[in-house]
């Protein structure tokens, strides 16, 4: 008797999520110099206080606080939202799974505005839910009338990344308020809030169906420690605290959050550098006659490759030790997404793109 017959069909047929390329792959390790611009990470890293505190910490033999009392107090200070509305997790990805764990049964429906962050579909398929895709417009806007038409009794969650990943675009306030008026649970994923300065977090206190997700991976440089949090109505927050993994936030991540929020001046200066570099890089990309960059409010820029093959550009950059993200799916045909790096890294990127594009002579990766 094979073990396959015991595996859930959703897991057996699951395609998974394509993450960024490992730095340990032979083709990456073979490069003399690797410039990593594929995962929207902070090129300046965390606050210097974080590694110092981790090196001095003496409590790793103890379990972290399952009630999240301390981290909620830090996040209340940072967000201005009372702690009873806050739940933390191992990255905002884990909080997305918690919402599926709480709301979604096999056969239920989840509304997704594509193209967008792949983890919404990831968990929907893993939990046996149907993804109802609503394609974004040419400007990546959302058709509210179409949302209303596809809502059914089985619709359980609506996900909105804001700014959206991988486009970097923001939804209109009227769009978000129209979604909230449906009465359905609306998840606004603000992973890139610190780079956009736009948030709906205060509305959590007024709307019982609004859930806001945040992360320390991007702005605070803590991607490797996996720490995120959500702002929820108190009733939903209580449910999530009951169904979450007991020790979801490890001691290292908790300590890193504490030190990060005690060094906001440093982190905000890094964010400002990234925003300034984003605008400089965007201007330079616009100067290439075969690439169309999309204006971004995040820490990355999505680009359409016009004259030639986006995959060829992606591979051409990779052969030069420059890692970016390649997309070829509905709404993102021949697109690359470039994380904003340090100015010196972006200068190398631009030189490589000019070499690959060859001016008006076409692509020659």
Protein backbone atom coordinates (compact mmCIF):
# COMPACT_ATOMS: atom_id res chain seq x y z
CA UNK A 1 0.00 0.00 0.00
CA UNK A 2 1.56 3.28 -1.10
CA UNK A 3 1.51 6.31 1.14
CA UNK A 4 0.19 8.47 -1.72
CA UNK A 5 -3.37 7.32 -1.10
CA UNK A 6 -3.26 8.90 2.36
CA UNK A 7 -2.12 12.33 1.11
CA UNK A 8 -4.72 15.06 0.78
CA UNK A 9 -5.57 15.71 -2.91
CA UNK A 10 -4.87 19.42 -2.42
CA UNK A 11 -1.32 18.62 -1.30
CA UNK A 12 -0.71 15.88 -3.86
CA UNK A 13 -1.57 18.21 -6.76
CA UNK A 14 0.01 21.30 -5.25
CA UNK A 15 2.49 23.21 -7.42
CA UNK A 16 4.03 25.27 -4.60
CA UNK A 17 5.50 28.77 -4.71
CA UNK A 18 8.50 29.78 -6.77
CA UNK A 19 10.73 31.70 -4.39
CA UNK A 20 13.79 33.74 -5.29
CA UNK A 21 16.87 31.88 -6.53
CA UNK A 22 19.10 30.34 -3.89
CA UNK A 23 22.53 31.89 -3.52
CA UNK A 24 23.88 28.36 -3.05
CA UNK A 25 23.06 27.19 -6.57
CA UNK A 26 26.18 26.39 -8.63
CA UNK A 27 25.37 28.92 -11.36
CA UNK A 28 25.01 31.67 -8.75
CA UNK A 29 28.07 30.69 -6.74
CA UNK A 30 30.09 30.65 -9.96
CA UNK A 31 29.58 34.38 -10.45
CA UNK A 32 32.50 36.52 -9.29
CA UNK A 33 30.09 39.09 -7.89
CA UNK A 34 26.39 38.66 -7.08
CA UNK A 35 24.04 41.63 -6.91
CA UNK A 36 20.77 40.44 -5.37
CA UNK A 37 17.82 42.47 -6.65
CA UNK A 38 15.18 39.73 -6.82
CA UNK A 39 13.42 39.53 -3.44
CA UNK A 40 12.62 43.13 -2.39
CA UNK A 41 15.04 42.94 0.52
CA UNK A 42 16.58 45.94 2.28
CA UNK A 43 20.13 46.36 0.88
CA UNK A 44 21.20 48.24 4.02
CA UNK A 45 20.22 45.45 6.41
CA UNK A 46 18.75 45.75 9.90
CA UNK A 47 19.56 48.24 12.61
CA UNK A 48 23.10 47.63 13.94
CA UNK A 49 21.47 47.14 17.31
CA UNK A 50 19.91 43.87 16.14
CA UNK A 51 23.03 41.69 15.62
CA UNK A 52 24.60 43.19 18.74
CA UNK A 53 21.56 42.31 20.86
CA UNK A 54 21.31 38.82 19.38
CA UNK A 55 24.96 38.16 20.15
CA UNK A 56 24.49 39.17 23.78
CA UNK A 57 21.16 37.42 24.39
CA UNK A 58 21.19 34.75 27.09
CA UNK A 59 17.63 33.40 26.92
CA UNK A 60 17.52 31.13 23.89
CA UNK A 61 16.98 28.07 26.07
CA UNK A 62 13.51 29.34 27.03
CA UNK A 63 10.33 29.30 24.94
CA UNK A 64 9.11 32.73 23.80
CA UNK A 65 5.91 34.27 25.17
CA UNK A 66 2.95 32.47 23.58
CA UNK A 67 0.63 35.33 24.55
CA UNK A 68 2.79 37.85 22.65
CA UNK A 69 2.42 40.38 25.46
CA UNK A 70 5.75 42.12 24.92
CA UNK A 71 5.67 42.30 21.13
CA UNK A 72 2.12 43.64 21.20
CA UNK A 73 3.27 46.49 23.42
CA UNK A 74 6.06 47.35 20.96
CA UNK A 75 3.70 47.20 17.99
CA UNK A 76 1.06 49.26 19.77
CA UNK A 77 3.70 51.96 20.22
CA UNK A 78 4.71 51.78 16.55
CA UNK A 79 1.26 51.56 14.93
CA UNK A 80 -0.88 53.54 17.35
CA UNK A 81 -3.36 50.63 17.32
CA UNK A 82 -4.26 49.08 20.72
CA UNK A 83 -2.57 45.76 21.46
CA UNK A 84 -5.82 43.79 21.61
CA UNK A 85 -6.09 44.28 17.84
CA UNK A 86 -2.59 42.89 17.12
CA UNK A 87 -1.40 39.36 16.32
CA UNK A 88 2.18 38.59 15.30
CA UNK A 89 3.51 35.69 13.27
CA UNK A 90 6.52 34.23 11.51
CA UNK A 91 6.26 36.71 8.66
CA UNK A 92 3.01 38.01 7.24
CA UNK A 93 2.85 34.77 5.20
CA UNK A 94 2.02 32.87 8.37
CA UNK A 95 -0.77 35.34 9.16
CA UNK A 96 -2.22 34.75 5.70
CA UNK A 97 -2.33 31.04 6.51
CA UNK A 98 -3.98 31.78 9.87
CA UNK A 99 -6.77 33.62 8.03
CA UNK A 100 -7.30 30.59 5.80
CA UNK A 101 -7.24 28.38 8.88
CA UNK A 102 -9.95 30.54 10.46
CA UNK A 103 -12.25 31.30 7.54
CA UNK A 104 -11.81 28.92 4.61
CA UNK A 105 -13.12 25.41 4.01
CA UNK A 106 -12.48 23.25 0.97
CA UNK A 107 -14.70 24.50 -1.85
CA UNK A 108 -14.94 28.05 -0.54
CA UNK A 109 -13.92 31.00 -2.72
CA UNK A 110 -11.24 33.64 -2.35
CA UNK A 111 -11.11 36.79 -4.50
CA UNK A 112 -7.71 37.74 -5.88
CA UNK A 113 -6.73 40.76 -8.00
CA UNK A 114 -4.17 39.49 -10.45
CA UNK A 115 -1.35 40.00 -11.02
CA UNK A 116 -0.49 40.09 -7.33
CA UNK A 117 1.41 38.36 -4.53
CA UNK A 118 1.48 34.61 -5.14
CA UNK A 119 0.99 33.50 -1.54
CA UNK A 120 -2.76 34.24 -1.61
CA UNK A 121 -3.21 31.63 -4.33
CA UNK A 122 -0.65 29.38 -2.60
CA UNK A 123 -2.76 29.01 0.54
CA UNK A 124 -6.07 28.99 -1.30
CA UNK A 125 -4.98 25.97 -3.34
CA UNK A 126 -3.44 24.28 -0.30
CA UNK A 127 -6.72 24.64 1.62
CA UNK A 128 -8.82 23.47 -1.33
CA UNK A 129 -10.41 26.84 -2.02
CA UNK A 130 -11.32 28.21 -5.43
CA UNK A 131 -9.41 31.35 -6.47
CA UNK A 132 -11.70 33.83 -8.20
CA UNK A 133 -9.25 35.93 -10.21
CA UNK A 134 -10.22 39.46 -11.17
CA UNK A 135 -7.65 40.77 -13.64
CA UNK A 136 -6.46 44.30 -12.98
CA UNK A 137 -6.86 46.96 -15.65
CA UNK A 138 -4.09 48.15 -17.94
CA UNK A 139 -3.10 50.62 -15.20
CA UNK A 140 -3.41 47.82 -12.58
CA UNK A 141 -6.60 49.34 -11.16
CA UNK A 142 -9.47 47.25 -9.74
CA UNK A 143 -12.94 46.88 -11.27
CA UNK A 144 -15.30 47.15 -8.29
CA UNK A 145 -18.38 46.37 -10.36
CA UNK A 146 -16.80 43.08 -11.39
CA UNK A 147 -16.04 42.30 -7.74
CA UNK A 148 -19.71 42.70 -6.88
CA UNK A 149 -20.71 40.42 -9.75
CA UNK A 150 -18.47 37.52 -8.69
CA UNK A 151 -19.28 37.56 -4.97
CA UNK A 152 -21.15 34.41 -3.98
CA UNK A 153 -22.32 32.75 -0.74
CA UNK A 154 -19.01 30.83 -0.73
CA UNK A 155 -16.81 33.95 -0.89
CA UNK A 156 -14.82 34.04 2.35
CA UNK A 157 -11.85 36.40 1.84
CA UNK A 158 -10.80 39.22 -0.48
CA UNK A 159 -7.06 39.95 -0.70
CA UNK A 160 -5.65 43.33 -1.70
CA UNK A 161 -1.90 43.97 -1.67
CA UNK A 162 -1.37 47.71 -1.21
CA UNK A 163 1.11 48.68 -2.63
CA UNK A 164 0.65 45.73 -4.91
CA UNK A 165 3.41 43.22 -5.49
CA UNK A 166 4.79 42.98 -8.18
CA UNK A 167 3.42 46.19 -9.71
CA UNK A 168 4.20 48.67 -6.91
CA UNK A 169 0.87 50.43 -7.48
CA UNK A 170 -1.60 51.72 -4.88
CA UNK A 171 -5.35 51.19 -4.84
CA UNK A 172 -7.64 54.22 -4.67
CA UNK A 173 -9.21 55.01 -1.32
CA UNK A 174 -12.67 54.78 -2.92
CA UNK A 175 -11.80 51.27 -4.12
CA UNK A 176 -10.86 50.11 -0.64
CA UNK A 177 -13.96 51.65 0.92
CA UNK A 178 -16.14 50.01 -1.75
CA UNK A 179 -14.60 46.66 -0.90
CA UNK A 180 -15.27 47.22 2.79
CA UNK A 181 -18.92 47.99 2.05
CA UNK A 182 -19.39 44.44 0.74
CA UNK A 183 -19.23 43.27 4.36
CA UNK A 184 -16.86 40.45 3.41
CA UNK A 185 -13.51 39.99 5.20
CA UNK A 186 -11.07 42.32 3.39
CA UNK A 187 -7.34 41.65 3.83
CA UNK A 188 -5.18 44.67 2.97
CA UNK A 189 -1.57 43.54 2.78
CA UNK A 190 0.68 46.52 3.58
CA UNK A 191 4.04 44.76 3.33
CA UNK A 192 5.48 47.88 1.67
CA UNK A 193 3.69 50.51 3.77
CA UNK A 194 6.88 52.17 4.98
CA UNK A 195 7.87 52.94 1.38
CA UNK A 196 4.47 54.28 0.32
CA UNK A 197 3.43 56.15 3.46
CA UNK A 198 -0.20 55.15 2.74
CA UNK A 199 -2.13 53.01 5.21
CA UNK A 200 -5.66 52.00 6.10
CA UNK A 201 -4.62 50.81 9.56
CA UNK A 202 -6.71 53.40 11.50
CA UNK A 203 -9.84 52.07 9.78
CA UNK A 204 -9.43 48.76 11.63
CA UNK A 205 -11.02 50.50 14.62
CA UNK A 206 -14.09 51.40 12.55
CA UNK A 207 -14.60 48.44 10.20
CA UNK A 208 -15.23 44.96 11.68
CA UNK A 209 -14.29 43.31 8.36
CA UNK A 210 -10.89 44.96 7.76
CA UNK A 211 -7.64 43.09 8.39
CA UNK A 212 -4.28 44.79 7.77
CA UNK A 213 -1.03 42.81 7.39
CA UNK A 214 2.48 44.20 7.85
CA UNK A 215 6.03 42.82 7.91
CA UNK A 216 9.51 43.68 9.17
CA UNK A 217 11.10 41.86 6.22
CA UNK A 218 11.32 44.83 3.88
CA UNK A 219 11.78 48.17 5.63
CA UNK A 220 13.49 46.82 8.76
CA UNK A 221 15.82 44.34 7.03
CA UNK A 222 14.60 41.32 9.04
CA UNK A 223 13.57 38.99 6.19
CA UNK A 224 15.75 36.20 7.54
CA UNK A 225 14.13 36.26 10.97
CA UNK A 226 10.55 35.93 9.67
CA UNK A 227 8.48 38.41 11.64
CA UNK A 228 5.23 40.06 10.65
CA UNK A 229 2.02 41.20 12.30
CA UNK A 230 -1.60 41.94 11.59
CA UNK A 231 -4.14 44.47 12.80
CA UNK A 232 -7.60 42.95 13.26
CA UNK A 233 -10.95 43.60 14.91
CA UNK A 234 -10.65 42.36 18.49
CA UNK A 235 -12.97 39.39 17.93
CA UNK A 236 -10.93 38.13 14.99
CA UNK A 237 -7.68 38.80 16.86
CA UNK A 238 -8.92 36.63 19.73
CA UNK A 239 -9.79 33.77 17.38
CA UNK A 240 -6.37 34.02 15.73
CA UNK A 241 -4.61 33.93 19.09
CA UNK A 242 -6.44 30.66 19.84
CA UNK A 243 -5.66 28.94 16.53
CA UNK A 244 -2.11 30.22 15.96
CA UNK A 245 0.99 28.13 16.53
CA UNK A 246 1.79 28.57 20.25
CA UNK A 247 5.30 29.94 19.79
CA UNK A 248 4.86 31.58 16.40
CA UNK A 249 7.30 34.42 17.10
CA UNK A 250 10.71 33.13 18.14
CA UNK A 251 12.90 34.86 20.70
CA UNK A 252 15.40 36.14 18.13
CA UNK A 253 12.65 37.79 16.07
CA UNK A 254 11.08 39.31 19.17
CA UNK A 255 14.41 40.77 20.24
CA UNK A 256 15.00 42.10 16.71
CA UNK A 257 11.64 43.88 16.70
CA UNK A 258 12.41 45.50 20.05
CA UNK A 259 15.80 46.76 18.88
CA UNK A 260 14.42 47.88 15.52
CA UNK A 261 11.68 49.97 17.08
CA UNK A 262 14.24 51.50 19.42
CA UNK A 263 16.26 52.58 16.39
CA UNK A 264 13.60 54.09 14.14
CA UNK A 265 15.81 57.01 13.16
CA UNK A 266 18.32 54.62 11.55
CA UNK A 267 15.68 52.52 9.79
CA UNK A 268 13.72 55.51 8.51
CA UNK A 269 16.93 56.96 7.11
CA UNK A 270 17.47 53.67 5.22
CA UNK A 271 13.91 53.82 3.90
CA UNK A 272 14.47 57.39 2.70
CA UNK A 273 17.64 56.30 0.90
CA UNK A 274 15.73 53.51 -0.82
CA UNK A 275 12.91 55.85 -1.88
CA UNK A 276 15.40 58.38 -3.26
CA UNK A 277 17.23 55.63 -5.13
CA UNK A 278 13.94 54.23 -6.43
CA UNK A 279 13.22 57.55 -8.14
CA UNK A 280 16.75 57.79 -9.56
CA UNK A 281 16.61 54.22 -10.87
CA UNK A 282 13.16 54.80 -12.38
CA UNK A 283 14.45 57.83 -14.30
CA UNK A 284 17.39 55.84 -15.62
CA UNK A 285 15.19 52.93 -16.67
CA UNK A 286 12.92 55.32 -18.55
CA UNK A 287 15.96 56.31 -20.60
CA UNK A 288 16.11 52.82 -22.14
CA UNK A 289 14.00 52.72 -25.28
CA UNK A 290 13.14 49.04 -24.92
CA UNK A 291 12.01 48.98 -21.28
CA UNK A 292 8.89 50.56 -19.76
CA UNK A 293 9.17 50.94 -15.96
CA UNK A 294 5.94 51.17 -13.93
CA UNK A 295 5.84 54.00 -11.33
CA UNK A 296 6.21 52.34 -7.93
CA UNK A 297 5.37 53.16 -4.32
CA UNK A 298 7.29 50.17 -2.98
CA UNK A 299 10.99 49.23 -2.88
CA UNK A 300 11.02 47.67 -6.35
CA UNK A 301 10.19 48.61 -9.94
CA UNK A 302 8.31 46.42 -12.39
CA UNK A 303 9.50 46.76 -16.00
CA UNK A 304 7.97 45.59 -19.27
CA UNK A 305 10.51 44.47 -21.84
CA UNK A 306 9.25 45.89 -25.14
CA UNK A 307 11.73 44.93 -27.84
CA UNK A 308 12.64 41.32 -27.30
CA UNK A 309 12.34 38.58 -24.75
CA UNK A 310 11.98 39.34 -21.04
CA UNK A 311 13.38 35.95 -20.17
CA UNK A 312 16.47 36.69 -22.26
CA UNK A 313 17.03 39.90 -20.30
CA UNK A 314 16.56 38.02 -17.03
CA UNK A 315 19.07 35.35 -18.06
CA UNK A 316 21.45 37.94 -19.45
CA UNK A 317 21.51 39.73 -16.11
CA UNK A 318 21.91 36.44 -14.26
CA UNK A 319 24.92 35.55 -16.39
CA UNK A 320 26.47 38.79 -15.16
CA UNK A 321 25.73 37.95 -11.51
CA UNK A 322 22.69 40.25 -11.25
CA UNK A 323 19.56 38.57 -9.91
CA UNK A 324 16.13 40.04 -10.69
CA UNK A 325 12.64 38.46 -10.82
CA UNK A 326 11.16 37.36 -14.14
CA UNK A 327 7.42 37.09 -14.81
CA UNK A 328 5.57 35.63 -17.78
CA UNK A 329 1.93 35.27 -16.82
CA UNK A 330 -1.36 36.98 -17.64
CA UNK A 331 -0.93 40.71 -17.11
CA UNK A 332 2.85 40.38 -16.74
CA UNK A 333 4.04 39.11 -20.09
CA UNK A 334 7.78 39.70 -20.55
CA UNK A 335 8.20 41.56 -17.27
CA UNK A 336 11.10 41.79 -14.84
CA UNK A 337 10.90 43.15 -11.31
CA UNK A 338 13.97 44.93 -9.98
CA UNK A 339 14.42 45.45 -6.24
CA UNK A 340 15.93 48.84 -5.46
CA UNK A 341 19.54 48.33 -4.47
CA UNK A 342 22.34 50.58 -3.33
CA UNK A 343 23.29 53.25 -5.89
CA UNK A 344 26.55 51.48 -6.73
CA UNK A 345 24.68 48.21 -7.37
CA UNK A 346 22.05 49.91 -9.50
CA UNK A 347 24.76 51.57 -11.57
CA UNK A 348 26.17 48.12 -12.38
CA UNK A 349 22.64 46.96 -13.22
CA UNK A 350 22.13 49.87 -15.63
CA UNK A 351 25.45 49.22 -17.35
CA UNK A 352 24.43 45.58 -17.80
CA UNK A 353 21.02 46.51 -19.20
CA UNK A 354 22.59 48.91 -21.67
CA UNK A 355 24.98 46.17 -22.74
CA UNK A 356 22.17 43.62 -23.07
CA UNK A 357 19.90 45.97 -24.96
CA UNK A 358 22.62 47.24 -27.25
CA UNK A 359 20.90 50.54 -27.89
CA UNK A 360 18.59 50.10 -30.88
CA UNK A 361 20.24 46.92 -32.09
CA UNK A 362 17.96 44.56 -30.19
CA UNK A 363 18.69 42.18 -27.35
CA UNK A 364 21.89 40.20 -27.27
CA UNK A 365 22.18 38.48 -23.88
